[in-house]
């Protein structure tokens, strides 16, 4: 999957009509989240103790093989939605709230942005 880091987008979809380039960028960003395994991983990391999750603790609950989990974590990392920190043998992941905010804000209703 060709993934670019999500850094900024556009006016909310409900405020102005998106141009072609903006629509392509936004669609690619949402495509990253369109996979149930990636959504679950994002949720597991966000709700992990201390706000970070070890790759070693994500394989079992997700019910996928270690290479599959690593692939999905890589896609989320490449999109900038999570960060990765290597500690010894294991990688630890954290959510990047400001990147998720970009996607949330793109779908916000005018006057309801947080």
N, C-alpha and C. Protein backbone atom coordinates (compact mmCIF):
# COMPACT_ATOMS: atom_id res chain seq x y z
N UNK A 1 0.85 -1.17 0.00
CA UNK A 1 0.00 0.00 0.00
C UNK A 1 0.90 1.24 0.00
N UNK A 2 0.64 2.13 -0.91
CA UNK A 2 1.40 3.38 -0.99
C UNK A 2 0.79 4.36 0.01
N UNK A 3 1.51 4.60 1.11
CA UNK A 3 1.00 5.44 2.19
C UNK A 3 1.91 6.63 2.39
N UNK A 4 1.30 7.80 2.51
CA UNK A 4 2.05 9.01 2.83
C UNK A 4 1.62 9.46 4.21
N UNK A 5 2.53 10.09 4.93
CA UNK A 5 2.20 10.58 6.26
C UNK A 5 1.10 11.62 6.18
N UNK A 6 0.15 11.50 7.07
CA UNK A 6 -0.99 12.41 7.14
C UNK A 6 -0.56 13.59 8.01
N UNK A 7 -0.38 14.75 7.42
CA UNK A 7 0.06 15.90 8.21
C UNK A 7 -0.98 17.01 8.23
N UNK A 8 -1.64 17.22 7.16
CA UNK A 8 -2.67 18.27 7.08
C UNK A 8 -3.59 17.90 5.94
N UNK A 9 -4.72 18.52 5.93
CA UNK A 9 -5.64 18.20 4.85
C UNK A 9 -6.26 19.45 4.28
N UNK A 10 -7.42 19.67 4.63
CA UNK A 10 -8.24 20.61 3.88
C UNK A 10 -9.34 21.15 4.79
N UNK A 11 -10.15 21.99 4.22
CA UNK A 11 -11.34 22.45 4.94
C UNK A 11 -12.24 21.23 5.15
N UNK A 12 -13.07 21.25 6.17
CA UNK A 12 -13.98 20.12 6.36
C UNK A 12 -14.80 19.85 5.11
N UNK A 13 -15.02 18.59 4.85
CA UNK A 13 -15.77 18.14 3.67
C UNK A 13 -17.15 18.79 3.63
N UNK A 14 -17.72 19.06 4.79
CA UNK A 14 -19.07 19.62 4.84
C UNK A 14 -19.09 21.14 4.73
N UNK A 15 -17.91 21.76 4.63
CA UNK A 15 -17.82 23.21 4.52
C UNK A 15 -17.62 23.65 3.08
N UNK A 16 -16.73 22.97 2.38
CA UNK A 16 -16.41 23.30 0.99
C UNK A 16 -16.30 22.01 0.18
N UNK A 17 -16.51 22.15 -1.11
CA UNK A 17 -16.33 21.01 -2.00
C UNK A 17 -14.84 20.74 -2.15
N UNK A 18 -14.46 19.49 -1.98
CA UNK A 18 -13.05 19.12 -2.10
C UNK A 18 -12.59 19.18 -3.55
N UNK A 19 -11.36 19.63 -3.73
CA UNK A 19 -10.73 19.53 -5.03
C UNK A 19 -10.22 18.11 -5.22
N UNK A 20 -9.84 17.78 -6.43
CA UNK A 20 -9.36 16.43 -6.74
C UNK A 20 -8.16 16.04 -5.87
N UNK A 21 -7.15 16.92 -5.78
CA UNK A 21 -5.95 16.60 -5.00
C UNK A 21 -6.27 16.38 -3.53
N UNK A 22 -7.12 17.23 -2.98
CA UNK A 22 -7.50 17.08 -1.58
C UNK A 22 -8.26 15.78 -1.35
N UNK A 23 -9.13 15.44 -2.28
CA UNK A 23 -9.90 14.20 -2.17
C UNK A 23 -8.98 12.98 -2.21
N UNK A 24 -7.97 13.02 -3.07
CA UNK A 24 -7.02 11.90 -3.18
C UNK A 24 -6.26 11.73 -1.87
N UNK A 25 -5.78 12.82 -1.29
CA UNK A 25 -5.03 12.77 -0.03
C UNK A 25 -5.92 12.25 1.10
N UNK A 26 -7.11 12.79 1.19
CA UNK A 26 -8.02 12.39 2.26
C UNK A 26 -8.45 10.93 2.11
N UNK A 27 -8.75 10.51 0.90
CA UNK A 27 -9.16 9.13 0.66
C UNK A 27 -8.03 8.16 1.03
N UNK A 28 -6.80 8.50 0.70
CA UNK A 28 -5.66 7.64 1.04
C UNK A 28 -5.52 7.52 2.56
N UNK A 29 -5.74 8.62 3.25
CA UNK A 29 -5.64 8.60 4.71
C UNK A 29 -6.73 7.71 5.30
N UNK A 30 -7.95 7.84 4.82
CA UNK A 30 -9.02 7.00 5.34
C UNK A 30 -8.87 5.55 4.92
N UNK A 31 -8.21 5.31 3.79
CA UNK A 31 -7.97 3.93 3.35
C UNK A 31 -7.11 3.19 4.37
N UNK A 32 -6.18 3.92 4.99
CA UNK A 32 -5.34 3.32 6.02
C UNK A 32 -6.22 2.79 7.16
N UNK A 33 -7.25 3.54 7.51
CA UNK A 33 -8.12 3.15 8.61
C UNK A 33 -9.27 2.24 8.19
N UNK A 34 -9.38 1.95 6.90
CA UNK A 34 -10.49 1.16 6.39
C UNK A 34 -10.32 -0.34 6.62
N UNK A 35 -9.26 -0.74 7.25
CA UNK A 35 -9.03 -2.15 7.52
C UNK A 35 -9.37 -2.45 8.99
N UNK A 36 -10.20 -3.43 9.25
CA UNK A 36 -10.58 -3.73 10.63
C UNK A 36 -9.40 -4.04 11.55
N UNK A 37 -8.39 -4.73 11.03
CA UNK A 37 -7.22 -5.06 11.86
C UNK A 37 -6.48 -3.79 12.27
N UNK A 38 -6.34 -2.84 11.34
CA UNK A 38 -5.65 -1.59 11.68
C UNK A 38 -6.46 -0.76 12.67
N UNK A 39 -7.77 -0.73 12.50
CA UNK A 39 -8.61 -0.01 13.46
C UNK A 39 -8.49 -0.62 14.86
N UNK A 40 -8.48 -1.95 14.92
CA UNK A 40 -8.34 -2.62 16.22
C UNK A 40 -6.97 -2.33 16.82
N UNK A 41 -5.92 -2.38 16.01
CA UNK A 41 -4.59 -2.08 16.53
C UNK A 41 -4.52 -0.66 17.08
N UNK A 42 -5.08 0.28 16.33
CA UNK A 42 -5.10 1.67 16.78
C UNK A 42 -5.82 1.78 18.12
N UNK A 43 -6.95 1.10 18.24
CA UNK A 43 -7.72 1.11 19.46
C UNK A 43 -6.98 0.45 20.62
N UNK A 44 -6.34 -0.67 20.35
CA UNK A 44 -5.59 -1.37 21.40
C UNK A 44 -4.43 -0.52 21.91
N UNK A 45 -3.74 0.14 21.00
CA UNK A 45 -2.62 1.00 21.41
C UNK A 45 -3.13 2.19 22.21
N UNK A 46 -4.19 2.82 21.73
CA UNK A 46 -4.74 4.00 22.42
C UNK A 46 -5.22 3.66 23.82
N UNK A 47 -5.70 2.44 24.01
CA UNK A 47 -6.27 2.05 25.30
C UNK A 47 -5.33 1.23 26.16
N UNK A 48 -4.09 1.06 25.71
CA UNK A 48 -3.11 0.30 26.48
C UNK A 48 -2.65 1.11 27.69
N UNK A 49 -2.22 0.40 28.69
CA UNK A 49 -1.69 1.04 29.89
C UNK A 49 -0.53 1.97 29.52
N UNK A 50 -0.58 3.18 30.01
CA UNK A 50 0.47 4.14 29.71
C UNK A 50 0.38 4.74 28.32
N UNK A 51 -0.67 4.39 27.57
CA UNK A 51 -0.85 4.96 26.24
C UNK A 51 0.10 4.42 25.19
N UNK A 52 0.72 3.28 25.47
CA UNK A 52 1.60 2.67 24.48
C UNK A 52 1.44 1.16 24.52
N UNK A 53 1.65 0.56 23.37
CA UNK A 53 1.51 -0.88 23.26
C UNK A 53 2.74 -1.52 22.66
N UNK A 54 3.12 -2.65 23.23
CA UNK A 54 4.25 -3.41 22.71
C UNK A 54 3.74 -4.35 21.62
N UNK A 55 4.49 -4.46 20.55
CA UNK A 55 4.11 -5.36 19.46
C UNK A 55 3.90 -6.78 20.00
N UNK A 56 4.67 -7.14 21.01
CA UNK A 56 4.56 -8.49 21.58
C UNK A 56 3.20 -8.75 22.21
N UNK A 57 2.50 -7.70 22.62
CA UNK A 57 1.20 -7.83 23.26
C UNK A 57 0.02 -7.67 22.29
N UNK A 58 0.30 -7.39 21.04
CA UNK A 58 -0.77 -7.11 20.08
C UNK A 58 -1.13 -8.30 19.20
N UNK A 59 -0.21 -9.23 19.06
CA UNK A 59 -0.43 -10.37 18.17
C UNK A 59 -1.57 -11.26 18.66
N UNK A 60 -1.51 -11.69 19.92
CA UNK A 60 -2.52 -12.59 20.47
C UNK A 60 -3.93 -12.02 20.41
N UNK A 61 -4.14 -10.83 20.98
CA UNK A 61 -5.50 -10.28 20.98
C UNK A 61 -6.06 -10.02 19.57
N UNK A 62 -5.19 -9.71 18.63
CA UNK A 62 -5.67 -9.43 17.28
C UNK A 62 -6.03 -10.73 16.54
N UNK A 63 -5.39 -11.83 16.95
CA UNK A 63 -5.69 -13.11 16.31
C UNK A 63 -5.12 -13.24 14.91
N UNK A 64 -4.05 -12.51 14.64
CA UNK A 64 -3.37 -12.58 13.34
C UNK A 64 -1.91 -13.00 13.60
N UNK A 65 -1.24 -13.41 12.55
CA UNK A 65 0.16 -13.82 12.68
C UNK A 65 1.04 -12.59 12.95
N UNK A 66 2.21 -12.84 13.51
CA UNK A 66 3.13 -11.75 13.82
C UNK A 66 3.51 -10.96 12.57
N UNK A 67 3.81 -11.60 11.42
CA UNK A 67 4.12 -10.82 10.22
C UNK A 67 2.95 -9.94 9.76
N UNK A 68 1.72 -10.43 9.90
CA UNK A 68 0.56 -9.64 9.51
C UNK A 68 0.39 -8.43 10.42
N UNK A 69 0.55 -8.64 11.73
CA UNK A 69 0.45 -7.54 12.68
C UNK A 69 1.55 -6.52 12.39
N UNK A 70 2.76 -6.98 12.13
CA UNK A 70 3.87 -6.07 11.81
C UNK A 70 3.57 -5.25 10.55
N UNK A 71 2.99 -5.90 9.56
CA UNK A 71 2.61 -5.18 8.33
C UNK A 71 1.63 -4.05 8.64
N UNK A 72 0.57 -4.37 9.38
CA UNK A 72 -0.44 -3.36 9.70
C UNK A 72 0.14 -2.25 10.56
N UNK A 73 0.99 -2.58 11.50
CA UNK A 73 1.64 -1.56 12.32
C UNK A 73 2.53 -0.67 11.44
N UNK A 74 3.18 -1.26 10.45
CA UNK A 74 4.00 -0.48 9.52
C UNK A 74 3.17 0.50 8.70
N UNK A 75 2.00 0.06 8.26
CA UNK A 75 1.12 0.94 7.49
C UNK A 75 0.68 2.12 8.36
N UNK A 76 0.27 1.83 9.59
CA UNK A 76 -0.14 2.90 10.51
C UNK A 76 1.01 3.85 10.82
N UNK A 77 2.21 3.30 10.96
CA UNK A 77 3.39 4.12 11.22
C UNK A 77 3.73 4.99 10.01
N UNK A 78 3.71 4.39 8.83
CA UNK A 78 4.00 5.15 7.60
C UNK A 78 3.02 6.29 7.39
N UNK A 79 1.78 6.09 7.82
CA UNK A 79 0.76 7.13 7.69
C UNK A 79 0.91 8.20 8.77
N UNK A 80 1.78 7.95 9.74
CA UNK A 80 2.00 8.92 10.80
C UNK A 80 0.95 8.88 11.90
N UNK A 81 0.12 7.84 11.91
CA UNK A 81 -0.92 7.74 12.93
C UNK A 81 -0.41 7.18 14.25
N UNK A 82 0.70 6.43 14.18
CA UNK A 82 1.36 5.93 15.38
C UNK A 82 2.86 6.13 15.22
N UNK A 83 3.56 6.15 16.35
CA UNK A 83 5.02 6.20 16.33
C UNK A 83 5.56 4.87 16.84
N UNK A 84 6.78 4.57 16.48
CA UNK A 84 7.43 3.32 16.86
C UNK A 84 8.73 3.64 17.58
N UNK A 85 8.94 2.98 18.71
CA UNK A 85 10.20 3.11 19.45
C UNK A 85 10.72 1.72 19.75
N UNK A 86 11.92 1.44 19.30
CA UNK A 86 12.55 0.14 19.52
C UNK A 86 13.17 0.13 20.90
N UNK A 87 12.83 -0.88 21.70
CA UNK A 87 13.41 -1.08 23.03
C UNK A 87 13.85 -2.53 23.12
N UNK A 88 15.14 -2.74 23.01
CA UNK A 88 15.64 -4.11 23.01
C UNK A 88 15.11 -4.86 21.80
N UNK A 89 14.49 -6.01 22.05
CA UNK A 89 13.94 -6.84 20.97
C UNK A 89 12.60 -6.34 20.47
N UNK A 90 11.92 -5.52 21.25
CA UNK A 90 10.53 -5.19 20.94
C UNK A 90 10.33 -3.76 20.48
N UNK A 91 9.28 -3.58 19.73
CA UNK A 91 8.87 -2.24 19.29
C UNK A 91 7.65 -1.84 20.10
N UNK A 92 7.66 -0.59 20.53
CA UNK A 92 6.55 -0.02 21.29
C UNK A 92 5.90 1.07 20.45
N UNK A 93 4.58 1.14 20.48
CA UNK A 93 3.83 2.05 19.63
C UNK A 93 2.97 2.99 20.46
N UNK A 94 2.87 4.23 19.98
CA UNK A 94 2.02 5.26 20.59
C UNK A 94 1.19 5.92 19.50
N UNK A 95 0.01 6.37 19.87
CA UNK A 95 -0.87 7.12 18.98
C UNK A 95 -0.30 8.53 18.79
N UNK A 96 -0.51 9.11 17.61
CA UNK A 96 -0.15 10.50 17.35
C UNK A 96 -1.48 11.27 17.24
N UNK A 97 -1.94 11.83 18.38
CA UNK A 97 -3.28 12.44 18.41
C UNK A 97 -3.49 13.54 17.37
N UNK A 98 -2.48 14.35 17.12
CA UNK A 98 -2.67 15.45 16.16
C UNK A 98 -2.90 14.95 14.74
N UNK A 99 -2.37 13.78 14.40
CA UNK A 99 -2.61 13.21 13.07
C UNK A 99 -4.04 12.68 12.96
N UNK A 100 -4.52 12.07 14.02
CA UNK A 100 -5.91 11.62 14.02
C UNK A 100 -6.86 12.81 13.99
N UNK A 101 -6.46 13.91 14.61
CA UNK A 101 -7.28 15.12 14.62
C UNK A 101 -7.49 15.66 13.21
N UNK A 102 -6.48 15.51 12.35
CA UNK A 102 -6.60 15.96 10.96
C UNK A 102 -7.78 15.26 10.29
N UNK A 103 -7.87 13.95 10.50
CA UNK A 103 -8.96 13.19 9.88
C UNK A 103 -10.30 13.52 10.52
N UNK A 104 -10.30 13.65 11.84
CA UNK A 104 -11.54 14.02 12.53
C UNK A 104 -12.05 15.36 12.04
N UNK A 105 -11.14 16.34 11.96
CA UNK A 105 -11.53 17.68 11.55
C UNK A 105 -12.01 17.74 10.11
N UNK A 106 -11.47 16.87 9.26
CA UNK A 106 -11.91 16.86 7.86
C UNK A 106 -13.39 16.48 7.74
N UNK A 107 -13.89 15.72 8.71
CA UNK A 107 -15.28 15.29 8.67
C UNK A 107 -16.18 16.05 9.63
N UNK A 108 -15.63 17.07 10.26
CA UNK A 108 -16.40 17.80 11.26
C UNK A 108 -17.51 18.64 10.63
N UNK A 109 -18.52 18.84 11.39
CA UNK A 109 -19.64 19.68 10.98
C UNK A 109 -19.26 21.13 11.30
N UNK A 110 -19.51 22.05 10.39
CA UNK A 110 -19.16 23.46 10.63
C UNK A 110 -19.69 23.93 11.99
N UNK A 111 -18.82 24.61 12.72
CA UNK A 111 -19.18 25.13 14.04
C UNK A 111 -19.05 24.12 15.17
N UNK A 112 -18.69 22.88 14.84
CA UNK A 112 -18.54 21.84 15.87
C UNK A 112 -17.12 21.34 16.01
N UNK A 113 -16.15 22.02 15.45
CA UNK A 113 -14.76 21.59 15.56
C UNK A 113 -14.30 21.68 16.99
N UNK A 114 -13.47 20.72 17.40
CA UNK A 114 -12.94 20.74 18.75
C UNK A 114 -11.45 20.97 18.73
